[in-house]
Protein backbone atom coordinates (compact mmCIF):
# COMPACT_ATOMS: atom_id res chain seq x y z
CA MET A 1 4.98 -16.73 -90.82
CA SER A 2 8.35 -16.07 -92.46
CA ASP A 3 6.86 -13.77 -95.04
CA PRO A 4 8.28 -10.24 -94.51
CA ARG A 5 4.76 -8.73 -94.48
CA PHE A 6 3.75 -11.06 -91.62
CA THR A 7 6.95 -10.26 -89.71
CA GLN A 8 6.35 -6.54 -90.13
CA LEU A 9 2.74 -6.74 -88.90
CA ALA A 10 3.71 -9.02 -85.97
CA ASP A 11 6.24 -6.42 -84.82
CA GLY A 12 8.02 -8.88 -82.56
CA LEU A 13 4.89 -10.15 -80.85
CA CYS A 14 4.04 -13.84 -80.55
CA TYR A 15 1.12 -15.04 -82.68
CA ASN A 16 -0.63 -18.40 -82.36
CA PHE A 17 -1.96 -20.30 -85.36
CA ILE A 18 -5.74 -20.51 -84.97
CA GLY A 19 -6.84 -22.29 -88.10
CA VAL A 20 -7.53 -22.25 -91.78
CA SER A 21 -10.72 -21.07 -93.44
CA ASP A 22 -12.34 -22.94 -96.27
CA SER A 23 -10.61 -22.50 -99.59
CA ALA A 24 -12.19 -20.04 -102.02
CA THR A 25 -11.76 -19.62 -105.73
CA GLY A 26 -11.18 -16.05 -106.84
CA THR A 27 -9.19 -14.14 -109.51
CA SER A 28 -5.91 -15.66 -108.13
CA GLY A 29 -7.24 -19.24 -108.29
CA THR A 30 -7.96 -21.30 -105.19
CA THR A 31 -6.75 -19.64 -101.94
CA THR A 32 -6.81 -20.42 -98.21
CA VAL A 33 -6.90 -17.88 -95.37
CA TYR A 34 -4.65 -18.69 -92.39
CA THR A 35 -5.56 -16.95 -89.10
CA PHE A 36 -3.14 -16.09 -86.27
CA ASP A 37 -4.06 -14.47 -82.93
CA CYS A 38 -1.97 -12.58 -80.41
CA TYR A 39 -3.20 -12.51 -76.80
CA ASN A 40 -2.60 -9.67 -74.32
CA GLY A 41 -2.64 -11.82 -71.13
CA SER A 42 -6.13 -10.81 -70.01
CA VAL A 43 -8.90 -13.31 -69.45
CA PHE A 44 -12.56 -12.47 -69.79
CA TYR A 45 -15.72 -14.38 -69.01
CA PRO A 46 -18.33 -13.88 -71.73
CA TYR A 47 -20.71 -16.37 -70.09
CA GLY A 48 -19.84 -15.59 -66.46
CA THR A 49 -18.22 -18.88 -65.70
CA PHE A 50 -15.98 -20.02 -68.57
CA PRO A 51 -12.82 -18.03 -69.29
CA GLU A 52 -11.54 -16.94 -72.71
CA ALA A 53 -8.22 -15.31 -73.52
CA ALA A 54 -8.52 -11.77 -74.83
CA VAL A 55 -7.25 -11.36 -78.39
CA SER A 56 -5.27 -8.16 -78.79
CA SER A 57 -4.65 -8.50 -82.53
CA GLN A 58 -5.13 -10.94 -85.41
CA ILE A 59 -3.27 -11.47 -88.67
CA GLN A 60 -4.77 -13.19 -91.64
CA ALA A 61 -2.71 -14.45 -94.55
CA ASP A 62 -4.27 -15.29 -97.89
CA VAL A 63 -2.23 -18.10 -99.42
CA ALA A 64 -2.45 -19.56 -102.96
CA ILE A 65 -2.89 -23.30 -103.31
CA LYS A 66 0.77 -23.65 -104.37
CA GLY A 67 1.93 -21.93 -101.18
CA SER A 68 2.66 -18.40 -102.32
CA VAL A 69 1.44 -15.70 -99.95
CA LEU A 70 -0.93 -13.34 -101.78
CA SER A 71 -1.72 -10.88 -98.97
CA VAL A 72 -1.20 -10.44 -95.24
CA GLU A 73 -3.41 -8.07 -93.19
CA SER A 74 -4.11 -7.24 -89.60
CA ALA A 75 -7.73 -8.01 -88.77
CA SER A 76 -7.53 -5.81 -85.64
CA LEU A 77 -6.77 -2.76 -87.84
CA VAL A 78 -9.69 -3.62 -90.15
CA ASN A 79 -12.28 -4.69 -87.65
CA GLY A 80 -11.04 -3.45 -84.23
CA THR A 81 -10.17 -5.60 -81.26
CA SER A 82 -13.73 -5.61 -79.88
CA ALA A 83 -14.82 -7.61 -82.95
CA LEU A 84 -12.07 -10.15 -82.20
CA ASN A 85 -13.45 -10.78 -78.70
CA SER A 86 -17.15 -10.95 -79.29
CA GLY A 87 -19.02 -14.20 -79.16
CA PRO A 88 -22.55 -15.53 -78.94
CA SER A 89 -24.88 -14.35 -76.21
CA CYS A 90 -25.07 -16.09 -72.82
CA GLY A 91 -28.67 -17.16 -73.34
CA PRO A 92 -31.90 -16.11 -71.63
CA ASN A 93 -30.73 -16.64 -68.04
CA PRO A 94 -27.31 -15.06 -67.41
CA PRO A 95 -25.79 -15.57 -63.92
CA PRO A 96 -26.70 -12.85 -61.35
CA VAL A 97 -23.01 -11.91 -61.01
CA SER A 98 -20.59 -12.70 -63.79
CA VAL A 99 -16.90 -12.20 -64.23
CA VAL A 100 -16.19 -9.80 -67.07
CA SER A 101 -12.38 -10.05 -66.91
CA ALA A 102 -9.57 -11.34 -64.72
CA GLN A 103 -6.00 -10.07 -65.02
CA LEU A 104 -2.85 -10.85 -63.04
CA VAL A 105 -1.10 -7.74 -61.71
CA GLU A 106 2.62 -7.60 -61.50
CA VAL A 107 3.71 -7.08 -57.89
CA THR A 108 7.11 -6.44 -56.29
CA ILE A 109 6.77 -9.33 -53.82
CA PRO A 110 6.98 -12.63 -55.76
CA ALA A 111 5.08 -14.62 -53.14
CA VAL A 112 2.03 -12.32 -53.40
CA LEU A 113 -0.55 -12.89 -56.09
CA GLU A 114 -2.75 -9.99 -57.08
CA VAL A 115 -5.65 -10.38 -59.49
CA ASN A 116 -7.89 -7.62 -60.77
CA LEU A 117 -11.45 -8.86 -61.38
CA THR A 118 -14.13 -6.90 -63.13
CA LEU A 119 -17.61 -8.16 -62.19
CA ASP A 120 -20.99 -7.44 -63.69
CA ALA A 121 -24.01 -7.52 -61.36
CA ARG A 122 -26.48 -6.06 -63.83
CA PHE A 123 -28.61 -9.24 -63.71
CA ALA A 124 -28.67 -9.55 -59.92
CA PRO A 125 -32.23 -9.28 -58.57
CA SER A 126 -30.95 -7.12 -55.70
CA ALA A 127 -27.72 -5.55 -54.52
CA VAL A 128 -24.87 -8.01 -53.84
CA THR A 129 -23.77 -7.48 -50.26
CA GLY A 130 -21.14 -10.22 -49.94
CA LEU A 131 -18.86 -11.85 -52.45
CA THR A 132 -16.56 -14.89 -52.16
CA ALA A 133 -14.50 -16.51 -54.93
CA VAL A 134 -12.79 -19.88 -55.03
CA ILE A 135 -9.66 -20.08 -57.18
CA VAL A 136 -9.08 -23.69 -58.25
CA ALA A 137 -5.38 -24.44 -58.67
CA THR A 138 -3.09 -27.42 -58.76
CA GLY A 139 -2.01 -28.20 -55.22
CA GLY A 140 -5.05 -26.66 -53.55
CA ASN A 141 -7.88 -24.20 -53.78
CA GLU A 142 -7.89 -20.69 -52.43
CA THR A 143 -11.06 -19.08 -51.08
CA ILE A 144 -11.09 -15.27 -51.23
CA ALA A 145 -13.67 -13.04 -49.51
CA PHE A 146 -13.89 -9.63 -51.15
CA ALA A 147 -13.66 -7.11 -48.35
CA GLY A 148 -14.84 -4.31 -50.65
CA VAL A 149 -18.29 -5.81 -51.08
CA THR A 150 -20.31 -5.32 -47.87
CA PRO A 151 -23.86 -4.32 -46.98
CA GLY A 152 -22.49 -0.75 -46.72
CA ARG A 153 -20.69 -0.98 -50.16
CA PRO A 154 -22.77 -3.39 -52.24
CA LEU A 155 -22.46 -4.17 -55.91
CA PRO A 156 -25.45 -2.41 -57.44
CA PRO A 157 -28.09 -4.44 -59.25
CA ALA A 158 -29.70 -3.95 -62.66
CA SER A 159 -28.75 -1.59 -65.44
CA LEU A 160 -25.62 -0.17 -63.95
CA PRO A 161 -22.19 -0.57 -65.60
CA PRO A 162 -19.73 -3.24 -64.37
CA LYS A 163 -17.71 -2.44 -61.22
CA SER A 164 -14.18 -3.63 -60.38
CA ALA A 165 -13.77 -5.37 -57.04
């Protein structure tokens, strides 16, 4: 991480060490690829129920067996950030309503918590006319009824894009 090429690509952002790939033998001898991810603070739910942090960029360093850094590149510039956040499919029976992302919103009143949720109701068999969420936190759970989802303003079913609530 102290290599000037890494520092330049990181541009002052915090990167977390993710892991090391299997060593490979190439023209430079045996090398190892070290991977580092930077997160943007968003959380998404690829399976509808289990959260994952959204990777905003990734740096990969190719290191020789004796420790010299051969190359440093940004995977987000090569592959795009959507490739960094893709995973396996949810399986044959996805939940009727799934959470696509959850992001804290900065507010001027410190005692008020605002969360933006993006929901996907494409697999709901019919329109969703009521929605309640339970936030599980240390010290107590919070139940939230979404006032914007009513019989008059339902989340539409099947084949429509995700809607923010």
